[in-house]
Amino acid sequence: MMKVLFKHEWITFIWMGVFFVAFGVSSLNLFMLFKANFDLYLEHGAMVIDDGALRQLLELIAYGYLSLLFYLLFKACERVLVERLTQGGRSER
């Protein structure tokens, strides 16, 4: 995959934008959902576990890791583009 990213900088730029938006949207949504989940625990205590709040918390943690993956992919694309720009457009790979 890295060869494709180094060879076609416009594809890398498009993917970088996609991952940036995906990371931003998922991060914002996660923050609001985590807050609501913790508020639910604080308001009603452990009885919300039976209603599925624990499962929801575990799903939010999984989505957090998905958001982290989007960030890492964004950073990989950024690295490729910066390396291409600082080399003056030459690719050694």
N, C-alpha and C. Protein backbone atom coordinates (compact mmCIF):
# COMPACT_ATOMS: atom_id res chain seq x y z
N MET A 1 0.82 -1.20 0.00
CA MET A 1 0.00 0.00 0.00
C MET A 1 0.86 1.26 0.00
N MET A 2 1.98 1.21 0.72
CA MET A 2 2.85 2.39 0.80
C MET A 2 3.39 2.76 -0.57
N LYS A 3 3.64 1.77 -1.44
CA LYS A 3 4.13 2.08 -2.79
C LYS A 3 3.10 2.89 -3.57
N VAL A 4 1.84 2.51 -3.42
CA VAL A 4 0.77 3.26 -4.10
C VAL A 4 0.70 4.68 -3.58
N LEU A 5 0.82 4.84 -2.26
CA LEU A 5 0.76 6.17 -1.67
C LEU A 5 1.92 7.04 -2.12
N PHE A 6 3.11 6.46 -2.23
CA PHE A 6 4.26 7.23 -2.69
C PHE A 6 4.19 7.53 -4.18
N LYS A 7 3.56 6.66 -4.94
CA LYS A 7 3.51 6.85 -6.39
C LYS A 7 2.45 7.86 -6.82
N HIS A 8 1.33 7.87 -6.14
CA HIS A 8 0.20 8.74 -6.53
C HIS A 8 -0.15 9.66 -5.37
N GLU A 9 0.46 10.84 -5.35
CA GLU A 9 0.22 11.74 -4.22
C GLU A 9 -1.21 12.27 -4.18
N TRP A 10 -1.88 12.36 -5.30
CA TRP A 10 -3.26 12.85 -5.28
C TRP A 10 -4.19 11.83 -4.61
N ILE A 11 -3.92 10.52 -4.81
CA ILE A 11 -4.71 9.50 -4.11
C ILE A 11 -4.42 9.58 -2.61
N THR A 12 -3.17 9.78 -2.27
CA THR A 12 -2.78 9.92 -0.86
C THR A 12 -3.48 11.11 -0.23
N PHE A 13 -3.56 12.22 -0.96
CA PHE A 13 -4.22 13.42 -0.44
C PHE A 13 -5.71 13.17 -0.22
N ILE A 14 -6.34 12.47 -1.15
CA ILE A 14 -7.77 12.16 -1.01
C ILE A 14 -7.99 11.26 0.19
N TRP A 15 -7.18 10.19 0.33
CA TRP A 15 -7.32 9.30 1.48
C TRP A 15 -7.06 10.03 2.78
N MET A 16 -6.09 10.93 2.76
CA MET A 16 -5.78 11.71 3.97
C MET A 16 -7.01 12.51 4.40
N GLY A 17 -7.69 13.13 3.44
CA GLY A 17 -8.91 13.88 3.75
C GLY A 17 -10.02 13.00 4.28
N VAL A 18 -10.18 11.83 3.70
CA VAL A 18 -11.21 10.89 4.15
C VAL A 18 -10.94 10.46 5.60
N PHE A 19 -9.68 10.11 5.88
CA PHE A 19 -9.34 9.68 7.24
C PHE A 19 -9.45 10.83 8.24
N PHE A 20 -9.13 12.04 7.81
CA PHE A 20 -9.25 13.21 8.68
C PHE A 20 -10.71 13.43 9.09
N VAL A 21 -11.60 13.39 8.11
CA VAL A 21 -13.02 13.59 8.40
C VAL A 21 -13.56 12.44 9.26
N ALA A 22 -13.18 11.21 8.92
CA ALA A 22 -13.65 10.05 9.70
C ALA A 22 -13.17 10.15 11.14
N PHE A 23 -11.91 10.54 11.34
CA PHE A 23 -11.39 10.69 12.70
C PHE A 23 -12.12 11.80 13.44
N GLY A 24 -12.33 12.92 12.78
CA GLY A 24 -13.00 14.04 13.43
C GLY A 24 -14.43 13.73 13.83
N VAL A 25 -15.16 13.12 12.93
CA VAL A 25 -16.57 12.80 13.22
C VAL A 25 -16.65 11.75 14.32
N SER A 26 -15.84 10.71 14.22
CA SER A 26 -15.92 9.66 15.23
C SER A 26 -15.44 10.15 16.59
N SER A 27 -14.47 11.03 16.62
CA SER A 27 -13.99 11.56 17.90
C SER A 27 -15.04 12.44 18.57
N LEU A 28 -15.66 13.30 17.82
CA LEU A 28 -16.68 14.18 18.38
C LEU A 28 -17.86 13.37 18.90
N ASN A 29 -18.30 12.42 18.11
CA ASN A 29 -19.41 11.58 18.51
C ASN A 29 -19.05 10.76 19.75
N LEU A 30 -17.84 10.23 19.80
CA LEU A 30 -17.43 9.45 20.95
C LEU A 30 -17.44 10.27 22.23
N PHE A 31 -16.98 11.48 22.16
CA PHE A 31 -16.96 12.33 23.35
C PHE A 31 -18.36 12.52 23.91
N MET A 32 -19.30 12.82 23.04
CA MET A 32 -20.67 13.04 23.50
C MET A 32 -21.31 11.75 24.04
N LEU A 33 -21.04 10.63 23.40
CA LEU A 33 -21.63 9.37 23.86
C LEU A 33 -21.00 8.90 25.17
N PHE A 34 -19.68 9.05 25.32
CA PHE A 34 -19.04 8.71 26.59
C PHE A 34 -19.62 9.55 27.73
N LYS A 35 -19.81 10.83 27.48
CA LYS A 35 -20.35 11.72 28.51
C LYS A 35 -21.76 11.27 28.90
N ALA A 36 -22.58 10.95 27.91
CA ALA A 36 -23.94 10.50 28.21
C ALA A 36 -23.93 9.17 28.97
N ASN A 37 -23.03 8.27 28.60
CA ASN A 37 -22.94 6.98 29.27
C ASN A 37 -22.51 7.15 30.72
N PHE A 38 -21.51 7.98 30.96
CA PHE A 38 -21.05 8.20 32.34
C PHE A 38 -22.11 8.93 33.17
N ASP A 39 -22.81 9.87 32.55
CA ASP A 39 -23.89 10.55 33.27
C ASP A 39 -24.99 9.57 33.67
N LEU A 40 -25.26 8.61 32.79
CA LEU A 40 -26.27 7.59 33.09
C LEU A 40 -25.84 6.76 34.30
N TYR A 41 -24.57 6.34 34.32
CA TYR A 41 -24.07 5.59 35.48
C TYR A 41 -24.14 6.42 36.76
N LEU A 42 -23.78 7.69 36.66
CA LEU A 42 -23.80 8.53 37.85
C LEU A 42 -25.21 8.76 38.37
N GLU A 43 -26.15 8.87 37.46
CA GLU A 43 -27.53 9.16 37.86
C GLU A 43 -28.26 7.94 38.41
N HIS A 44 -28.05 6.79 37.79
CA HIS A 44 -28.85 5.61 38.14
C HIS A 44 -28.04 4.48 38.79
N GLY A 45 -26.75 4.59 38.84
CA GLY A 45 -25.94 3.57 39.49
C GLY A 45 -25.80 2.30 38.68
N ALA A 46 -25.55 1.20 39.38
CA ALA A 46 -25.26 -0.07 38.73
C ALA A 46 -26.48 -0.72 38.07
N MET A 47 -27.67 -0.25 38.35
CA MET A 47 -28.85 -0.88 37.75
C MET A 47 -28.92 -0.68 36.23
N VAL A 48 -28.17 0.25 35.69
CA VAL A 48 -28.20 0.46 34.24
C VAL A 48 -27.43 -0.62 33.51
N ILE A 49 -26.65 -1.42 34.23
CA ILE A 49 -25.92 -2.52 33.59
C ILE A 49 -26.90 -3.50 32.97
N ASP A 50 -27.99 -3.78 33.65
CA ASP A 50 -29.02 -4.68 33.11
C ASP A 50 -29.69 -4.11 31.87
N ASP A 51 -29.71 -2.80 31.74
CA ASP A 51 -30.35 -2.15 30.60
C ASP A 51 -29.42 -2.03 29.39
N GLY A 52 -28.20 -2.53 29.50
CA GLY A 52 -27.29 -2.52 28.36
C GLY A 52 -26.25 -1.42 28.37
N ALA A 53 -26.12 -0.69 29.45
CA ALA A 53 -25.16 0.41 29.50
C ALA A 53 -23.72 -0.10 29.49
N LEU A 54 -23.48 -1.26 30.09
CA LEU A 54 -22.13 -1.82 30.09
C LEU A 54 -21.72 -2.24 28.68
N ARG A 55 -22.65 -2.86 27.97
CA ARG A 55 -22.37 -3.24 26.57
C ARG A 55 -22.10 -1.99 25.74
N GLN A 56 -22.89 -0.96 25.96
CA GLN A 56 -22.68 0.28 25.23
C GLN A 56 -21.30 0.87 25.54
N LEU A 57 -20.88 0.81 26.78
CA LEU A 57 -19.56 1.32 27.16
C LEU A 57 -18.46 0.55 26.44
N LEU A 58 -18.60 -0.78 26.38
CA LEU A 58 -17.62 -1.60 25.67
C LEU A 58 -17.59 -1.28 24.17
N GLU A 59 -18.76 -1.05 23.59
CA GLU A 59 -18.83 -0.66 22.18
C GLU A 59 -18.17 0.69 21.96
N LEU A 60 -18.35 1.62 22.88
CA LEU A 60 -17.72 2.93 22.76
C LEU A 60 -16.20 2.82 22.82
N ILE A 61 -15.70 1.93 23.65
CA ILE A 61 -14.26 1.71 23.72
C ILE A 61 -13.75 1.15 22.39
N ALA A 62 -14.50 0.22 21.80
CA ALA A 62 -14.13 -0.33 20.50
C ALA A 62 -14.13 0.76 19.42
N TYR A 63 -15.14 1.62 19.45
CA TYR A 63 -15.18 2.73 18.49
C TYR A 63 -14.03 3.71 18.73
N GLY A 64 -13.59 3.81 19.96
CA GLY A 64 -12.42 4.64 20.25
C GLY A 64 -11.18 4.11 19.55
N TYR A 65 -11.02 2.80 19.55
CA TYR A 65 -9.89 2.20 18.84
C TYR A 65 -10.03 2.35 17.33
N LEU A 66 -11.26 2.31 16.83
CA LEU A 66 -11.48 2.56 15.41
C LEU A 66 -11.09 3.99 15.06
N SER A 67 -11.44 4.92 15.92
CA SER A 67 -11.06 6.31 15.73
C SER A 67 -9.54 6.46 15.73
N LEU A 68 -8.87 5.73 16.61
CA LEU A 68 -7.41 5.74 16.65
C LEU A 68 -6.84 5.21 15.34
N LEU A 69 -7.45 4.18 14.77
CA LEU A 69 -7.00 3.66 13.48
C LEU A 69 -7.12 4.73 12.40
N PHE A 70 -8.23 5.47 12.37
CA PHE A 70 -8.38 6.55 11.40
C PHE A 70 -7.28 7.59 11.56
N TYR A 71 -6.93 7.91 12.80
CA TYR A 71 -5.87 8.88 13.06
C TYR A 71 -4.53 8.36 12.56
N LEU A 72 -4.23 7.10 12.82
CA LEU A 72 -2.96 6.54 12.37
C LEU A 72 -2.87 6.50 10.85
N LEU A 73 -3.97 6.18 10.19
CA LEU A 73 -3.97 6.19 8.72
C LEU A 73 -3.80 7.61 8.18
N PHE A 74 -4.42 8.58 8.84
CA PHE A 74 -4.23 9.99 8.47
C PHE A 74 -2.76 10.37 8.59
N LYS A 75 -2.13 9.99 9.72
CA LYS A 75 -0.72 10.33 9.94
C LYS A 75 0.19 9.63 8.93
N ALA A 76 -0.15 8.41 8.52
CA ALA A 76 0.64 7.72 7.51
C ALA A 76 0.59 8.47 6.18
N CYS A 77 -0.60 8.90 5.79
CA CYS A 77 -0.74 9.68 4.56
C CYS A 77 0.00 11.00 4.67
N GLU A 78 -0.09 11.63 5.82
CA GLU A 78 0.62 12.89 6.04
C GLU A 78 2.13 12.70 5.89
N ARG A 79 2.64 11.63 6.46
CA ARG A 79 4.07 11.34 6.37
C ARG A 79 4.51 11.17 4.92
N VAL A 80 3.72 10.44 4.14
CA VAL A 80 4.05 10.23 2.73
C VAL A 80 4.07 11.55 1.98
N LEU A 81 3.05 12.38 2.18
CA LEU A 81 2.98 13.65 1.47
C LEU A 81 4.10 14.60 1.87
N VAL A 82 4.42 14.66 3.15
CA VAL A 82 5.51 15.53 3.60
C VAL A 82 6.83 15.04 3.03
N GLU A 83 7.03 13.74 3.03
CA GLU A 83 8.27 13.20 2.46
C GLU A 83 8.37 13.49 0.97
N ARG A 84 7.25 13.38 0.27
CA ARG A 84 7.25 13.68 -1.18
C ARG A 84 7.53 15.16 -1.43
N LEU A 85 6.92 16.02 -0.62
CA LEU A 85 7.13 17.46 -0.81
C LEU A 85 8.55 17.88 -0.47
N THR A 86 9.14 17.31 0.53
CA THR A 86 10.50 17.69 0.92
C THR A 86 11.56 17.10 0.00
N GLN A 87 11.21 16.08 -0.77
CA GLN A 87 12.13 15.51 -1.75
C GLN A 87 12.02 16.20 -3.10
N GLY A 88 11.14 17.14 -3.22
CA GLY A 88 10.95 17.83 -4.50
C GLY A 88 10.22 17.00 -5.53
N GLY A 89 9.40 16.06 -5.07
CA GLY A 89 8.60 15.27 -5.98
C GLY A 89 9.26 13.99 -6.43
N ARG A 90 10.49 13.74 -6.01
CA ARG A 90 11.18 12.49 -6.38
C ARG A 90 10.77 11.38 -5.43
N SER A 91 10.61 10.21 -5.96
CA SER A 91 10.27 9.06 -5.14
C SER A 91 11.40 8.05 -5.24
N GLU A 92 11.90 7.61 -4.10
CA GLU A 92 12.98 6.64 -4.09
C GLU A 92 12.47 5.23 -3.88
N ARG A 93 11.18 5.06 -3.76
CA ARG A 93 10.62 3.73 -3.50
C ARG A 93 10.02 3.16 -4.73
